[in-house]
C-alpha atoms as a PDB file:
ATOM      1  CA  MET A   1      -0.016  -0.016  -0.011  1.00  0.00           C
ATOM      2  CA  THR A   2       1.395   3.411  -0.891  1.00  0.00           C
ATOM      3  CA  PRO A   3       1.347   6.180   1.729  1.00  0.00           C
ATOM      4  CA  THR A   4      -1.939   8.086   1.748  1.00  0.00           C
ATOM      5  CA  TYR A   5      -0.981  10.954   4.041  1.00  0.00           C
ATOM      6  CA  ARG A   6       2.023  13.136   3.294  1.00  0.00           C
ATOM      7  CA  VAL A   7       3.835  15.467   5.708  1.00  0.00           C
ATOM      8  CA  CYS A   8       6.603  17.843   4.758  1.00  0.00           C
ATOM      9  CA  PHE A   9       8.737  19.814   7.301  1.00  0.00           C
ATOM     10  CA  VAL A  10      10.115  23.132   6.106  1.00  0.00           C
ATOM     11  CA  CYS A  11      12.914  25.385   7.375  1.00  0.00           C
ATOM     12  CA  THR A  12      15.216  27.849   5.586  1.00  0.00           C
ATOM     13  CA  GLY A  13      17.934  25.814   3.911  1.00  0.00           C
ATOM     14  CA  ASN A  14      16.788  22.230   4.609  1.00  0.00           C
ATOM     15  CA  ILE A  15      20.032  21.209   6.262  1.00  0.00           C
ATOM     16  CA  CYS A  16      19.385  21.667   9.991  1.00  0.00           C
ATOM     17  CA  ARG A  17      15.915  21.924  11.501  1.00  0.00           C
ATOM     18  CA  SER A  18      13.700  20.357   8.896  1.00  0.00           C
ATOM     19  CA  PRO A  19      15.844  17.261   8.223  1.00  0.00           C
ATOM     20  CA  MET A  20      16.023  16.825  12.034  1.00  0.00           C
ATOM     21  CA  ALA A  21      12.246  17.062  12.341  1.00  0.00           C
ATOM     22  CA  GLU A  22      11.866  14.685   9.324  1.00  0.00           C
ATOM     23  CA  SER A  23      14.083  12.072  10.913  1.00  0.00           C
ATOM     24  CA  VAL A  24      12.527  12.292  14.358  1.00  0.00           C
ATOM     25  CA  PHE A  25       8.954  12.259  13.079  1.00  0.00           C
ATOM     26  CA  ARG A  26       9.649   9.429  10.661  1.00  0.00           C
ATOM     27  CA  ALA A  27      10.884   7.375  13.648  1.00  0.00           C
ATOM     28  CA  HIS A  28       7.610   8.166  15.530  1.00  0.00           C
ATOM     29  CA  VAL A  29       5.561   7.179  12.560  1.00  0.00           C
ATOM     30  CA  THR A  30       7.468   3.937  12.178  1.00  0.00           C
ATOM     31  CA  ARG A  31       7.152   3.057  15.869  1.00  0.00           C
ATOM     32  CA  ALA A  32       3.438   3.757  15.632  1.00  0.00           C
ATOM     33  CA  GLY A  33       3.130   1.311  12.756  1.00  0.00           C
ATOM     34  CA  LEU A  34       1.948   4.035  10.405  1.00  0.00           C
ATOM     35  CA  ASP A  35       4.889   4.043   8.000  1.00  0.00           C
ATOM     36  CA  HIS A  36       2.839   2.256   5.346  1.00  0.00           C
ATOM     37  CA  LEU A  37       0.252   5.095   5.500  1.00  0.00           C
ATOM     38  CA  VAL A  38       2.383   8.204   6.195  1.00  0.00           C
ATOM     39  CA  GLU A  39       5.165   9.627   4.053  1.00  0.00           C
ATOM     40  CA  VAL A  40       7.524  12.136   5.739  1.00  0.00           C
ATOM     41  CA  ASP A  41       9.985  14.414   4.048  1.00  0.00           C
ATOM     42  CA  SER A  42      11.379  17.908   4.259  1.00  0.00           C
ATOM     43  CA  ALA A  43      12.433  20.980   2.210  1.00  0.00           C
ATOM     44  CA  GLY A  44      13.695  24.523   2.562  1.00  0.00           C
ATOM     45  CA  THR A  45      12.196  27.856   1.686  1.00  0.00           C
ATOM     46  CA  GLY A  46      15.404  28.665  -0.226  1.00  0.00           C
ATOM     47  CA  GLY A  47      17.538  26.548  -2.547  1.00  0.00           C
ATOM     48  CA  TRP A  48      21.024  27.525  -1.359  1.00  0.00           C
ATOM     49  CA  HIS A  49      21.866  24.007  -0.180  1.00  0.00           C
ATOM     50  CA  GLU A  50      19.982  21.906  -2.808  1.00  0.00           C
ATOM     51  CA  GLY A  51      21.612  18.571  -3.175  1.00  0.00           C
ATOM     52  CA  ASP A  52      23.694  18.857   0.020  1.00  0.00           C
ATOM     53  CA  GLY A  53      23.428  16.462   2.916  1.00  0.00           C
ATOM     54  CA  ALA A  54      22.301  17.561   6.352  1.00  0.00           C
ATOM     55  CA  ASP A  55      24.666  19.755   8.384  1.00  0.00           C
ATOM     56  CA  PRO A  56      27.286  17.544  10.085  1.00  0.00           C
ATOM     57  CA  ARG A  57      26.074  18.837  13.487  1.00  0.00           C
ATOM     58  CA  THR A  58      22.506  17.739  12.662  1.00  0.00           C
ATOM     59  CA  VAL A  59      23.815  14.321  11.661  1.00  0.00           C
ATOM     60  CA  SER A  60      25.858  14.054  14.842  1.00  0.00           C
ATOM     61  CA  VAL A  61      22.975  14.992  17.144  1.00  0.00           C
ATOM     62  CA  LEU A  62      20.565  12.631  15.344  1.00  0.00           C
ATOM     63  CA  GLU A  63      22.959   9.716  15.404  1.00  0.00           C
ATOM     64  CA  ALA A  64      23.766  10.269  19.099  1.00  0.00           C
ATOM     65  CA  ALA A  65      20.041  10.110  19.854  1.00  0.00           C
ATOM     66  CA  GLY A  66      19.545   6.939  17.789  1.00  0.00           C
ATOM     67  CA  TYR A  67      17.805   8.495  14.775  1.00  0.00           C
ATOM     68  CA  GLU A  68      18.554   7.470  11.238  1.00  0.00           C
ATOM     69  CA  GLN A  69      18.829  10.007   8.455  1.00  0.00           C
ATOM     70  CA  ASP A  70      19.643   9.940   4.788  1.00  0.00           C
ATOM     71  CA  HIS A  71      19.031  13.452   3.557  1.00  0.00           C
ATOM     72  CA  ARG A  72      19.537  15.637   0.472  1.00  0.00           C
ATOM     73  CA  ALA A  73      18.407  19.254   0.647  1.00  0.00           C
ATOM     74  CA  ARG A  74      15.823  20.611  -1.692  1.00  0.00           C
ATOM     75  CA  GLN A  75      13.680  23.708  -2.114  1.00  0.00           C
ATOM     76  CA  PHE A  76       9.915  23.644  -1.436  1.00  0.00           C
ATOM     77  CA  ARG A  77       7.771  24.310  -4.531  1.00  0.00           C
ATOM     78  CA  ALA A  78       4.243  25.703  -4.629  1.00  0.00           C
ATOM     79  CA  SER A  79       3.269  22.827  -6.899  1.00  0.00           C
ATOM     80  CA  TRP A  80       3.850  20.380  -4.024  1.00  0.00           C
ATOM     81  CA  PHE A  81       0.798  21.561  -2.102  1.00  0.00           C
ATOM     82  CA  ASP A  82      -1.375  19.421  -4.401  1.00  0.00           C
ATOM     83  CA  ARG A  83       0.177  16.204  -3.080  1.00  0.00           C
ATOM     84  CA  LEU A  84       0.806  17.219   0.535  1.00  0.00           C
ATOM     85  CA  ASP A  85      -1.642  16.895   3.403  1.00  0.00           C
ATOM     86  CA  LEU A  86       0.316  18.747   6.037  1.00  0.00           C
ATOM     87  CA  VAL A  87       3.180  21.282   5.744  1.00  0.00           C
ATOM     88  CA  ILE A  88       5.044  21.893   8.988  1.00  0.00           C
ATOM     89  CA  ALA A  89       6.911  25.188   9.345  1.00  0.00           C
ATOM     90  CA  LEU A  90       9.709  25.327  11.886  1.00  0.00           C
ATOM     91  CA  ASP A  91       9.340  29.049  12.618  1.00  0.00           C
ATOM     92  CA  ALA A  92       7.069  32.009  11.978  1.00  0.00           C
ATOM     93  CA  GLU A  93       9.112  33.247   9.025  1.00  0.00           C
ATOM     94  CA  HIS A  94       8.735  29.878   7.310  1.00  0.00           C
ATOM     95  CA  LEU A  95       5.026  29.987   8.060  1.00  0.00           C
ATOM     96  CA  ARG A  96       4.724  33.473   6.363  1.00  0.00           C
ATOM     97  CA  ASP A  97       6.819  32.328   3.397  1.00  0.00           C
ATOM     98  CA  LEU A  98       4.810  29.181   2.910  1.00  0.00           C
ATOM     99  CA  ARG A  99       1.457  30.959   3.189  1.00  0.00           C
ATOM    100  CA  ALA A 100       2.598  33.449   0.567  1.00  0.00           C
ATOM    101  CA  LEU A 101       3.558  30.532  -1.682  1.00  0.00           C
ATOM    102  CA  ALA A 102       0.282  28.627  -1.215  1.00  0.00           C
ATOM    103  CA  PRO A 103      -1.774  28.804  -4.449  1.00  0.00           C
ATOM    104  CA  THR A 104      -5.151  28.534  -2.640  1.00  0.00           C
ATOM    105  CA  PRO A 105      -6.695  29.109   0.780  1.00  0.00           C
ATOM    106  CA  GLN A 106      -7.094  25.349   1.082  1.00  0.00           C
ATOM    107  CA  ASP A 107      -3.334  24.941   0.536  1.00  0.00           C
ATOM    108  CA  ALA A 108      -2.558  27.659   3.117  1.00  0.00           C
ATOM    109  CA  ALA A 109      -4.800  25.793   5.592  1.00  0.00           C
ATOM    110  CA  LYS A 110      -2.383  22.815   5.380  1.00  0.00           C
ATOM    111  CA  ILE A 111       0.441  24.801   6.965  1.00  0.00           C
ATOM    112  CA  ARG A 112       1.153  24.575  10.711  1.00  0.00           C
ATOM    113  CA  LEU A 113       3.965  25.508  13.082  1.00  0.00           C
ATOM    114  CA  LEU A 114       5.698  22.517  14.543  1.00  0.00           C
ATOM    115  CA  ARG A 115       5.668  23.818  18.128  1.00  0.00           C
ATOM    116  CA  SER A 116       1.872  24.258  17.947  1.00  0.00           C
ATOM    117  CA  TYR A 117       1.850  20.453  18.648  1.00  0.00           C
ATOM    118  CA  ASP A 118       3.838  20.870  21.894  1.00  0.00           C
ATOM    119  CA  PRO A 119       1.394  21.437  24.768  1.00  0.00           C
ATOM    120  CA  ALA A 120       4.191  23.017  26.863  1.00  0.00           C
ATOM    121  CA  ALA A 121       5.080  25.677  24.235  1.00  0.00           C
ATOM    122  CA  THR A 122       3.683  29.165  24.639  1.00  0.00           C
ATOM    123  CA  ALA A 123       2.935  31.622  21.887  1.00  0.00           C
ATOM    124  CA  ALA A 124       6.199  33.386  22.653  1.00  0.00           C
ATOM    125  CA  GLU A 125       7.998  30.020  22.193  1.00  0.00           C
ATOM    126  CA  ALA A 126       6.395  29.102  18.837  1.00  0.00           C
ATOM    127  CA  ASP A 127       9.648  28.950  16.835  1.00  0.00           C
ATOM    128  CA  VAL A 128      12.332  26.309  16.693  1.00  0.00           C
ATOM    129  CA  PRO A 129      15.430  28.553  16.789  1.00  0.00           C
ATOM    130  CA  ASP A 130      17.898  28.223  13.920  1.00  0.00           C
ATOM    131  CA  PRO A 131      21.024  26.516  15.279  1.00  0.00           C
ATOM    132  CA  TYR A 132      23.104  27.005  12.097  1.00  0.00           C
ATOM    133  CA  TYR A 133      25.332  29.919  13.274  1.00  0.00           C
ATOM    134  CA  GLY A 134      25.791  28.584  16.777  1.00  0.00           C
ATOM    135  CA  SER A 135      27.380  25.682  18.622  1.00  0.00           C
ATOM    136  CA  LEU A 136      26.419  22.060  18.899  1.00  0.00           C
ATOM    137  CA  ASP A 137      24.318  22.998  21.954  1.00  0.00           C
ATOM    138  CA  GLY A 138      21.882  24.753  19.645  1.00  0.00           C
ATOM    139  CA  PHE A 139      21.398  21.588  17.617  1.00  0.00           C
ATOM    140  CA  GLU A 140      20.816  19.590  20.802  1.00  0.00           C
ATOM    141  CA  ASP A 141      18.233  22.229  21.887  1.00  0.00           C
ATOM    142  CA  CYS A 142      16.614  21.928  18.481  1.00  0.00           C
ATOM    143  CA  LEU A 143      16.307  18.177  18.846  1.00  0.00           C
ATOM    144  CA  GLU A 144      14.648  18.606  22.260  1.00  0.00           C
ATOM    145  CA  LEU A 145      12.057  20.937  20.806  1.00  0.00           C
ATOM    146  CA  VAL A 146      11.364  18.644  17.849  1.00  0.00           C
ATOM    147  CA  GLU A 147      11.047  15.615  20.172  1.00  0.00           C
ATOM    148  CA  ALA A 148       8.659  17.576  22.470  1.00  0.00           C
ATOM    149  CA  ALA A 149       6.294  18.403  19.572  1.00  0.00           C
ATOM    150  CA  SER A 150       6.449  15.016  17.827  1.00  0.00           C
ATOM    151  CA  PRO A 151       3.928  13.092  20.080  1.00  0.00           C
ATOM    152  CA  GLY A 152       1.253  15.775  19.597  1.00  0.00           C
ATOM    153  CA  LEU A 153       1.902  15.914  15.877  1.00  0.00           C
ATOM    154  CA  LEU A 154       1.752  12.099  15.707  1.00  0.00           C
ATOM    155  CA  ASP A 155      -1.673  12.177  17.468  1.00  0.00           C
ATOM    156  CA  ALA A 156      -2.932  14.747  14.943  1.00  0.00           C
ATOM    157  CA  VAL A 157      -1.600  12.779  11.971  1.00  0.00           C
ATOM    158  CA  ARG A 158      -3.037   9.525  13.383  1.00  0.00           C
ATOM    159  CA  GLU A 159      -6.481  11.126  13.511  1.00  0.00           C
ATOM    160  CA  ALA A 160      -6.106  12.655  10.064  1.00  0.00           C
ATOM    161  CA  VAL A 161      -5.113   9.278   8.631  1.00  0.00           C
ATOM    162  CA  LYS A 162      -8.174   7.674  10.118  1.00  0.00           C
ATOM    163  CA  GLU A 163     -10.340  10.316   8.408  1.00  0.00           C
ATOM    164  CA  HIS A 164      -8.271  10.190   5.205  1.00  0.00           C
ATOM    165  CA  THR A 165      -8.577   6.437   4.857  1.00  0.00           C
ATOM    166  CA  ALA A 166     -12.166   6.058   6.032  1.00  0.00           C
END
């Protein structure tokens, strides 16, 4: 059976936050036994890193936490909205960029902030900060935020899959 529900994580360059979120969420989907129904990928709002692997610090943090990743950066395209069910922005700037790119109001309604799925996150903490220009600690912090939001996102996707496949 081919996946029927598609989720794409989006950050700026698709080498730090979004590939991290993709790897973590894919692991959650697999553990939940939904990998045959849910497809998970990622992209960037810009194409500066297209074709590159994930930042070595992202890889290091993911591997240390036991997550697999096999990533090549790519730029998000407006035409993808047709095939995606949920587009997850990693911060408010990505949310704005994606909404501006959405061809229809229905496509714009598919876009959500990742931290909106973390019940402990406040409106002031809605973004996953960009770790790119900082130290490894920023990448570890990023992983913590992604992991905190993943159970809530999984619950939402599980419900959507039930509706989608009913």
